[in-house]
Amino acid sequence: MTFKIRALAAGDRQRWEPLWQGYLSFYKSSLPDVVSDETFRRLVAPGGDLFGAAAVGDDGRFGGIVHWLFHATTWAMAPTCYLQDLYVVPETRGQGLGAALINHVYAAADERGAAEVYWHTQEFNATARRLYDRIGRLTPFIQYRR
């Protein structure tokens, strides 16, 4: 099967939701429905602050999703792009969809003139980290939260 990467659209909610829930489950997380509702609304809102894309198969099924946003930074004149969520369904892993989705974000960042693209993953995510080591650059930063 071949996949095409395209922006999420308002009519994609039913195909997006299982992947979103799969992503949350992978990280042993859950969110109230109202948060997922608002997240999807923002992902497809024209002129919104969140962006999303899906890898759509010939049969219309979603093989993966990616979400990103842009923000100002004190380290550059241009905005920075944060790739916040990336999920590829288990059945379609190993077909290059993760790389294609990241490259889609790279293209969106280039179009917007972003100074860089960055993302986080958990240390235990060895499969994804093999891809990230090829397509990105590991930094020495450690994350803290309140």
N, C-alpha and C. Protein backbone atom coordinates (compact mmCIF):
# COMPACT_ATOMS: atom_id res chain seq x y z
N MET A 1 0.85 -1.18 0.00
CA MET A 1 0.00 0.00 0.00
C MET A 1 0.89 1.24 0.00
N THR A 2 0.45 2.24 -0.72
CA THR A 2 1.18 3.51 -0.71
C THR A 2 0.41 4.52 0.14
N PHE A 3 1.17 5.45 0.70
CA PHE A 3 0.60 6.46 1.58
C PHE A 3 0.94 7.84 1.06
N LYS A 4 0.02 8.76 1.29
CA LYS A 4 0.22 10.17 0.95
C LYS A 4 0.12 10.96 2.25
N ILE A 5 1.05 11.88 2.46
CA ILE A 5 0.99 12.74 3.65
C ILE A 5 0.20 13.99 3.29
N ARG A 6 -0.81 14.29 4.10
CA ARG A 6 -1.61 15.49 3.85
C ARG A 6 -2.08 16.08 5.16
N ALA A 7 -2.47 17.35 5.09
CA ALA A 7 -2.98 18.05 6.27
C ALA A 7 -4.26 17.38 6.77
N LEU A 8 -4.44 17.40 8.07
CA LEU A 8 -5.69 16.92 8.64
C LEU A 8 -6.83 17.86 8.22
N ALA A 9 -8.01 17.29 8.06
CA ALA A 9 -9.20 18.06 7.68
C ALA A 9 -10.31 17.78 8.69
N ALA A 10 -11.29 18.65 8.73
CA ALA A 10 -12.38 18.54 9.71
C ALA A 10 -13.07 17.17 9.65
N GLY A 11 -13.17 16.57 8.48
CA GLY A 11 -13.84 15.28 8.34
C GLY A 11 -13.00 14.08 8.75
N ASP A 12 -11.80 14.31 9.26
CA ASP A 12 -10.89 13.21 9.62
C ASP A 12 -11.01 12.73 11.06
N ARG A 13 -11.91 13.30 11.82
CA ARG A 13 -11.94 13.01 13.26
C ARG A 13 -12.04 11.51 13.56
N GLN A 14 -12.89 10.79 12.87
CA GLN A 14 -13.08 9.36 13.18
C GLN A 14 -11.84 8.54 12.85
N ARG A 15 -11.06 8.94 11.86
CA ARG A 15 -9.84 8.22 11.52
C ARG A 15 -8.67 8.67 12.40
N TRP A 16 -8.69 9.91 12.83
CA TRP A 16 -7.63 10.46 13.68
C TRP A 16 -7.70 9.92 15.11
N GLU A 17 -8.90 9.81 15.65
CA GLU A 17 -9.11 9.47 17.06
C GLU A 17 -8.42 8.17 17.49
N PRO A 18 -8.54 7.06 16.75
CA PRO A 18 -7.87 5.83 17.21
C PRO A 18 -6.35 5.97 17.27
N LEU A 19 -5.76 6.73 16.36
CA LEU A 19 -4.32 6.94 16.39
C LEU A 19 -3.93 7.82 17.56
N TRP A 20 -4.71 8.86 17.81
CA TRP A 20 -4.47 9.73 18.95
C TRP A 20 -4.53 8.92 20.24
N GLN A 21 -5.54 8.08 20.38
CA GLN A 21 -5.67 7.25 21.57
C GLN A 21 -4.53 6.23 21.66
N GLY A 22 -4.10 5.69 20.52
CA GLY A 22 -2.96 4.78 20.50
C GLY A 22 -1.70 5.46 20.97
N TYR A 23 -1.51 6.70 20.54
CA TYR A 23 -0.35 7.50 20.96
C TYR A 23 -0.37 7.72 22.47
N LEU A 24 -1.53 8.14 22.99
CA LEU A 24 -1.66 8.37 24.42
C LEU A 24 -1.42 7.07 25.20
N SER A 25 -1.96 5.97 24.71
CA SER A 25 -1.78 4.68 25.39
C SER A 25 -0.32 4.25 25.40
N PHE A 26 0.38 4.49 24.29
CA PHE A 26 1.79 4.13 24.23
C PHE A 26 2.57 4.80 25.36
N TYR A 27 2.23 6.05 25.64
CA TYR A 27 2.90 6.78 26.71
C TYR A 27 2.17 6.67 28.05
N LYS A 28 1.28 5.67 28.14
CA LYS A 28 0.55 5.39 29.38
C LYS A 28 -0.13 6.64 29.92
N SER A 29 -0.81 7.34 29.02
CA SER A 29 -1.51 8.58 29.35
C SER A 29 -2.96 8.50 28.90
N SER A 30 -3.74 9.36 29.46
CA SER A 30 -5.12 9.53 29.00
C SER A 30 -5.47 11.00 29.22
N LEU A 31 -6.43 11.45 28.45
CA LEU A 31 -6.89 12.84 28.56
C LEU A 31 -8.41 12.85 28.59
N PRO A 32 -8.99 13.83 29.25
CA PRO A 32 -10.45 13.96 29.19
C PRO A 32 -10.88 14.20 27.73
N ASP A 33 -12.05 13.71 27.38
CA ASP A 33 -12.56 13.88 26.01
C ASP A 33 -12.56 15.34 25.58
N VAL A 34 -12.85 16.24 26.51
CA VAL A 34 -12.92 17.65 26.16
C VAL A 34 -11.55 18.16 25.66
N VAL A 35 -10.46 17.62 26.19
CA VAL A 35 -9.12 18.03 25.74
C VAL A 35 -8.87 17.49 24.33
N SER A 36 -9.21 16.24 24.09
CA SER A 36 -9.05 15.69 22.74
C SER A 36 -9.93 16.41 21.73
N ASP A 37 -11.15 16.75 22.13
CA ASP A 37 -12.04 17.50 21.25
C ASP A 37 -11.42 18.84 20.86
N GLU A 38 -10.90 19.56 21.85
CA GLU A 38 -10.31 20.86 21.59
C GLU A 38 -9.01 20.73 20.79
N THR A 39 -8.23 19.70 21.07
CA THR A 39 -7.01 19.47 20.30
C THR A 39 -7.34 19.28 18.83
N PHE A 40 -8.29 18.43 18.53
CA PHE A 40 -8.63 18.20 17.12
C PHE A 40 -9.19 19.47 16.49
N ARG A 41 -10.03 20.19 17.20
CA ARG A 41 -10.58 21.43 16.66
C ARG A 41 -9.45 22.38 16.28
N ARG A 42 -8.46 22.52 17.16
CA ARG A 42 -7.33 23.42 16.89
C ARG A 42 -6.47 22.91 15.74
N LEU A 43 -6.32 21.60 15.61
CA LEU A 43 -5.50 21.03 14.54
C LEU A 43 -6.06 21.33 13.15
N VAL A 44 -7.36 21.46 13.04
CA VAL A 44 -7.98 21.66 11.73
C VAL A 44 -8.52 23.08 11.53
N ALA A 45 -8.40 23.94 12.54
CA ALA A 45 -8.92 25.31 12.43
C ALA A 45 -8.07 26.12 11.44
N PRO A 46 -8.71 26.75 10.47
CA PRO A 46 -7.94 27.62 9.56
C PRO A 46 -7.27 28.74 10.34
N GLY A 47 -5.99 28.96 10.07
CA GLY A 47 -5.26 30.01 10.75
C GLY A 47 -4.98 29.71 12.21
N GLY A 48 -5.11 28.44 12.61
CA GLY A 48 -4.93 28.06 14.00
C GLY A 48 -3.47 28.00 14.42
N ASP A 49 -3.27 27.65 15.68
CA ASP A 49 -1.93 27.61 16.24
C ASP A 49 -1.33 26.22 16.32
N LEU A 50 -2.11 25.19 16.04
CA LEU A 50 -1.62 23.82 15.96
C LEU A 50 -1.80 23.31 14.54
N PHE A 51 -0.90 22.42 14.14
CA PHE A 51 -0.95 21.87 12.78
C PHE A 51 -0.89 20.36 12.88
N GLY A 52 -1.56 19.69 11.95
CA GLY A 52 -1.55 18.24 11.95
C GLY A 52 -1.58 17.70 10.54
N ALA A 53 -1.01 16.52 10.38
CA ALA A 53 -1.02 15.83 9.10
C ALA A 53 -1.19 14.34 9.36
N ALA A 54 -1.61 13.64 8.33
CA ALA A 54 -1.79 12.19 8.42
C ALA A 54 -1.17 11.53 7.20
N ALA A 55 -0.71 10.31 7.40
CA ALA A 55 -0.28 9.44 6.31
C ALA A 55 -1.52 8.63 5.94
N VAL A 56 -2.08 8.90 4.75
CA VAL A 56 -3.33 8.29 4.33
C VAL A 56 -3.05 7.25 3.26
N GLY A 57 -3.50 6.03 3.50
CA GLY A 57 -3.29 4.94 2.56
C GLY A 57 -4.22 5.01 1.37
N ASP A 58 -3.92 4.22 0.36
CA ASP A 58 -4.77 4.12 -0.84
C ASP A 58 -6.22 3.78 -0.48
N ASP A 59 -6.39 3.04 0.61
CA ASP A 59 -7.73 2.63 1.03
C ASP A 59 -8.39 3.66 1.96
N GLY A 60 -7.72 4.79 2.20
CA GLY A 60 -8.28 5.85 3.04
C GLY A 60 -7.95 5.72 4.51
N ARG A 61 -7.35 4.59 4.91
CA ARG A 61 -7.00 4.43 6.33
C ARG A 61 -5.78 5.26 6.68
N PHE A 62 -5.73 5.70 7.93
CA PHE A 62 -4.59 6.45 8.44
C PHE A 62 -3.52 5.47 8.91
N GLY A 63 -2.28 5.69 8.44
CA GLY A 63 -1.16 4.88 8.89
C GLY A 63 -0.34 5.58 9.94
N GLY A 64 -0.51 6.90 10.07
CA GLY A 64 0.24 7.67 11.06
C GLY A 64 -0.25 9.09 11.11
N ILE A 65 0.09 9.77 12.20
CA ILE A 65 -0.27 11.18 12.38
C ILE A 65 0.92 11.93 12.97
N VAL A 66 0.93 13.23 12.74
CA VAL A 66 1.93 14.11 13.33
C VAL A 66 1.28 15.45 13.64
N HIS A 67 1.69 16.05 14.77
CA HIS A 67 1.20 17.37 15.18
C HIS A 67 2.39 18.25 15.48
N TRP A 68 2.29 19.53 15.16
CA TRP A 68 3.39 20.46 15.44
C TRP A 68 2.85 21.86 15.65
N LEU A 69 3.72 22.71 16.17
CA LEU A 69 3.38 24.12 16.39
C LEU A 69 4.64 24.95 16.23
N PHE A 70 4.46 26.24 16.08
CA PHE A 70 5.57 27.19 15.98
C PHE A 70 5.52 28.11 17.19
N HIS A 71 6.68 28.50 17.67
CA HIS A 71 6.73 29.46 18.77
C HIS A 71 7.97 30.34 18.64
N ALA A 72 7.89 31.50 19.27
CA ALA A 72 9.02 32.43 19.29
C ALA A 72 10.12 31.86 20.18
N THR A 73 11.33 32.33 19.96
CA THR A 73 12.47 31.90 20.77
C THR A 73 13.40 33.08 21.00
N THR A 74 14.07 33.07 22.11
CA THR A 74 15.04 34.12 22.39
C THR A 74 16.38 33.86 21.71
N TRP A 75 16.52 32.71 21.07
CA TRP A 75 17.80 32.29 20.49
C TRP A 75 17.89 32.54 18.99
N ALA A 76 16.84 33.04 18.38
CA ALA A 76 16.85 33.29 16.94
C ALA A 76 15.78 34.31 16.60
N MET A 77 15.93 34.94 15.44
CA MET A 77 14.90 35.88 14.97
C MET A 77 13.69 35.13 14.43
N ALA A 78 13.94 33.97 13.85
CA ALA A 78 12.88 33.17 13.25
C ALA A 78 12.18 32.32 14.32
N PRO A 79 10.97 31.87 14.04
CA PRO A 79 10.29 30.99 14.99
C PRO A 79 10.97 29.62 15.05
N THR A 80 10.64 28.88 16.06
CA THR A 80 11.08 27.50 16.24
C THR A 80 9.87 26.60 16.05
N CYS A 81 10.09 25.42 15.50
CA CYS A 81 9.01 24.45 15.28
C CYS A 81 9.16 23.31 16.28
N TYR A 82 8.11 23.05 17.02
CA TYR A 82 8.08 21.94 17.96
C TYR A 82 7.20 20.83 17.40
N LEU A 83 7.79 19.70 17.09
CA LEU A 83 7.07 18.51 16.65
C LEU A 83 6.59 17.83 17.94
N GLN A 84 5.30 17.98 18.24
CA GLN A 84 4.82 17.56 19.55
C GLN A 84 4.40 16.10 19.61
N ASP A 85 3.73 15.61 18.59
CA ASP A 85 3.20 14.24 18.63
C ASP A 85 3.48 13.55 17.30
N LEU A 86 3.95 12.32 17.35
CA LEU A 86 4.16 11.50 16.16
C LEU A 86 3.76 10.08 16.51
N TYR A 87 2.88 9.50 15.70
CA TYR A 87 2.44 8.13 15.95
C TYR A 87 2.20 7.43 14.63
N VAL A 88 2.75 6.23 14.53
CA VAL A 88 2.53 5.37 13.37
C VAL A 88 1.89 4.08 13.90
N VAL A 89 0.80 3.65 13.29
CA VAL A 89 0.12 2.45 13.78
C VAL A 89 1.05 1.25 13.63
N PRO A 90 0.99 0.31 14.56
CA PRO A 90 1.91 -0.83 14.53
C PRO A 90 1.94 -1.58 13.19
N GLU A 91 0.80 -1.73 12.56
CA GLU A 91 0.74 -2.49 11.30
C GLU A 91 1.48 -1.82 10.15
N THR A 92 1.71 -0.52 10.24
CA THR A 92 2.38 0.19 9.14
C THR A 92 3.80 0.62 9.49
N ARG A 93 4.28 0.22 10.65
CA ARG A 93 5.66 0.58 11.03
C ARG A 93 6.65 -0.15 10.12
N GLY A 94 7.80 0.48 9.94
CA GLY A 94 8.84 -0.10 9.10
C GLY A 94 8.68 0.19 7.62
N GLN A 95 7.70 1.01 7.26
CA GLN A 95 7.45 1.37 5.86
C GLN A 95 7.90 2.78 5.52
N GLY A 96 8.55 3.44 6.47
CA GLY A 96 9.04 4.80 6.23
C GLY A 96 8.05 5.90 6.55
N LEU A 97 6.93 5.57 7.19
CA LEU A 97 5.93 6.60 7.47
C LEU A 97 6.40 7.59 8.53
N GLY A 98 7.11 7.12 9.54
CA GLY A 98 7.62 8.03 10.56
C GLY A 98 8.54 9.08 9.94
N ALA A 99 9.47 8.62 9.10
CA ALA A 99 10.38 9.55 8.42
C ALA A 99 9.62 10.49 7.50
N ALA A 100 8.64 9.97 6.79
CA ALA A 100 7.85 10.81 5.87
C ALA A 100 7.08 11.88 6.64
N LEU A 101 6.52 11.53 7.79
CA LEU A 101 5.80 12.50 8.60
C LEU A 101 6.74 13.56 9.17
N ILE A 102 7.92 13.14 9.62
CA ILE A 102 8.90 14.12 10.12
C ILE A 102 9.35 15.03 8.98
N ASN A 103 9.60 14.46 7.82
CA ASN A 103 10.00 15.28 6.67
C ASN A 103 8.91 16.26 6.26
N HIS A 104 7.66 15.88 6.45
CA HIS A 104 6.53 16.79 6.19
C HIS A 104 6.62 18.00 7.13
N VAL A 105 6.93 17.74 8.39
CA VAL A 105 7.08 18.84 9.36
C VAL A 105 8.30 19.68 8.99
N TYR A 106 9.40 19.03 8.61
CA TYR A 106 10.58 19.77 8.17
C TYR A 106 10.22 20.73 7.04
N ALA A 107 9.44 20.26 6.07
CA ALA A 107 9.05 21.10 4.93
C ALA A 107 8.18 22.27 5.39
N ALA A 108 7.25 22.00 6.32
CA ALA A 108 6.39 23.08 6.85
C ALA A 108 7.25 24.10 7.60
N ALA A 109 8.24 23.62 8.34
CA ALA A 109 9.14 24.53 9.07
C ALA A 109 9.97 25.37 8.10
N ASP A 110 10.47 24.74 7.05
CA ASP A 110 11.24 25.48 6.04
C ASP A 110 10.38 26.54 5.37
N GLU A 111 9.14 26.18 5.05
CA GLU A 111 8.21 27.12 4.40
C GLU A 111 7.95 28.32 5.31
N ARG A 112 7.91 28.10 6.60
CA ARG A 112 7.64 29.15 7.58
C ARG A 112 8.92 29.89 7.98
N GLY A 113 10.09 29.41 7.53
CA GLY A 113 11.35 30.05 7.87
C GLY A 113 11.80 29.76 9.29
N ALA A 114 11.40 28.62 9.83
CA ALA A 114 11.75 28.27 11.21
C ALA A 114 13.25 28.07 11.35
N ALA A 115 13.78 28.48 12.50
CA ALA A 115 15.20 28.34 12.78
C ALA A 115 15.58 26.88 13.02
N GLU A 116 14.67 26.11 13.59
CA GLU A 116 14.94 24.70 13.85
C GLU A 116 13.64 23.96 14.09
N VAL A 117 13.75 22.63 14.09
CA VAL A 117 12.65 21.74 14.47
C VAL A 117 13.20 20.87 15.60
N TYR A 118 12.41 20.72 16.65
CA TYR A 118 12.84 19.85 17.75
C TYR A 118 11.67 19.03 18.25
N TRP A 119 11.99 17.95 18.96
CA TRP A 119 10.98 17.10 19.56
C TRP A 119 11.61 16.35 20.72
N HIS A 120 10.73 15.71 21.50
CA HIS A 120 11.16 14.89 22.64
C HIS A 120 10.64 13.47 22.44
N THR A 121 11.28 12.54 23.08
CA THR A 121 10.73 11.20 23.22
C THR A 121 11.20 10.65 24.55
N GLN A 122 10.58 9.59 24.98
CA GLN A 122 11.02 8.99 26.23
C GLN A 122 12.20 8.07 25.96
N GLU A 123 13.04 7.93 26.96
CA GLU A 123 14.28 7.17 26.83
C GLU A 123 14.01 5.74 26.37
N PHE A 124 12.92 5.13 26.82
CA PHE A 124 12.64 3.73 26.50
C PHE A 124 12.15 3.50 25.07
N ASN A 125 11.89 4.57 24.32
CA ASN A 125 11.31 4.44 22.97
C ASN A 125 12.42 4.10 21.94
N ALA A 126 13.01 2.93 22.10
CA ALA A 126 14.18 2.54 21.30
C ALA A 126 13.88 2.47 19.81
N THR A 127 12.74 1.97 19.42
CA THR A 127 12.42 1.84 17.99
C THR A 127 12.39 3.21 17.34
N ALA A 128 11.68 4.14 17.93
CA ALA A 128 11.60 5.49 17.37
C ALA A 128 12.96 6.18 17.42
N ARG A 129 13.71 5.93 18.46
CA ARG A 129 15.00 6.59 18.60
C ARG A 129 15.97 6.17 17.49
N ARG A 130 15.84 4.96 16.98
CA ARG A 130 16.68 4.54 15.85
C ARG A 130 16.40 5.43 14.64
N LEU A 131 15.13 5.75 14.39
CA LEU A 131 14.76 6.67 13.32
C LEU A 131 15.28 8.07 13.64
N TYR A 132 15.02 8.54 14.85
CA TYR A 132 15.41 9.90 15.22
C TYR A 132 16.92 10.11 15.13
N ASP A 133 17.69 9.07 15.44
CA ASP A 133 19.15 9.17 15.33
C ASP A 133 19.59 9.35 13.88
N ARG A 134 18.79 8.86 12.95
CA ARG A 134 19.11 9.02 11.52
C ARG A 134 18.63 10.35 10.96
N ILE A 135 17.50 10.83 11.44
CA ILE A 135 16.84 11.98 10.81
C ILE A 135 17.03 13.28 11.60
N GLY A 136 17.54 13.17 12.81
CA GLY A 136 17.74 14.34 13.66
C GLY A 136 19.08 14.27 14.37
N ARG A 137 19.24 15.15 15.32
CA ARG A 137 20.48 15.23 16.09
C ARG A 137 20.12 15.20 17.58
N LEU A 138 20.66 14.22 18.30
CA LEU A 138 20.42 14.10 19.72
C LEU A 138 21.13 15.24 20.45
N THR A 139 20.43 15.89 21.36
CA THR A 139 21.03 16.97 22.14
C THR A 139 21.24 16.50 23.58
N PRO A 140 22.08 17.20 24.34
CA PRO A 140 22.33 16.79 25.71
C PRO A 140 21.33 17.34 26.73
N PHE A 141 20.25 17.97 26.28
CA PHE A 141 19.34 18.60 27.22
C PHE A 141 18.51 17.58 28.00
N ILE A 142 18.24 17.92 29.24
CA ILE A 142 17.38 17.14 30.13
C ILE A 142 16.17 18.01 30.42
N GLN A 143 15.01 17.42 30.41
CA GLN A 143 13.78 18.18 30.60
C GLN A 143 13.32 18.13 32.06
N TYR A 144 12.88 19.27 32.56
CA TYR A 144 12.27 19.37 33.89
C TYR A 144 10.87 19.95 33.73
N ARG A 145 10.00 19.62 34.68
CA ARG A 145 8.64 20.15 34.66
C ARG A 145 8.19 20.51 36.06
N ARG A 146 7.25 21.38 36.11
CA ARG A 146 6.62 21.72 37.38
C ARG A 146 5.47 20.77 37.60
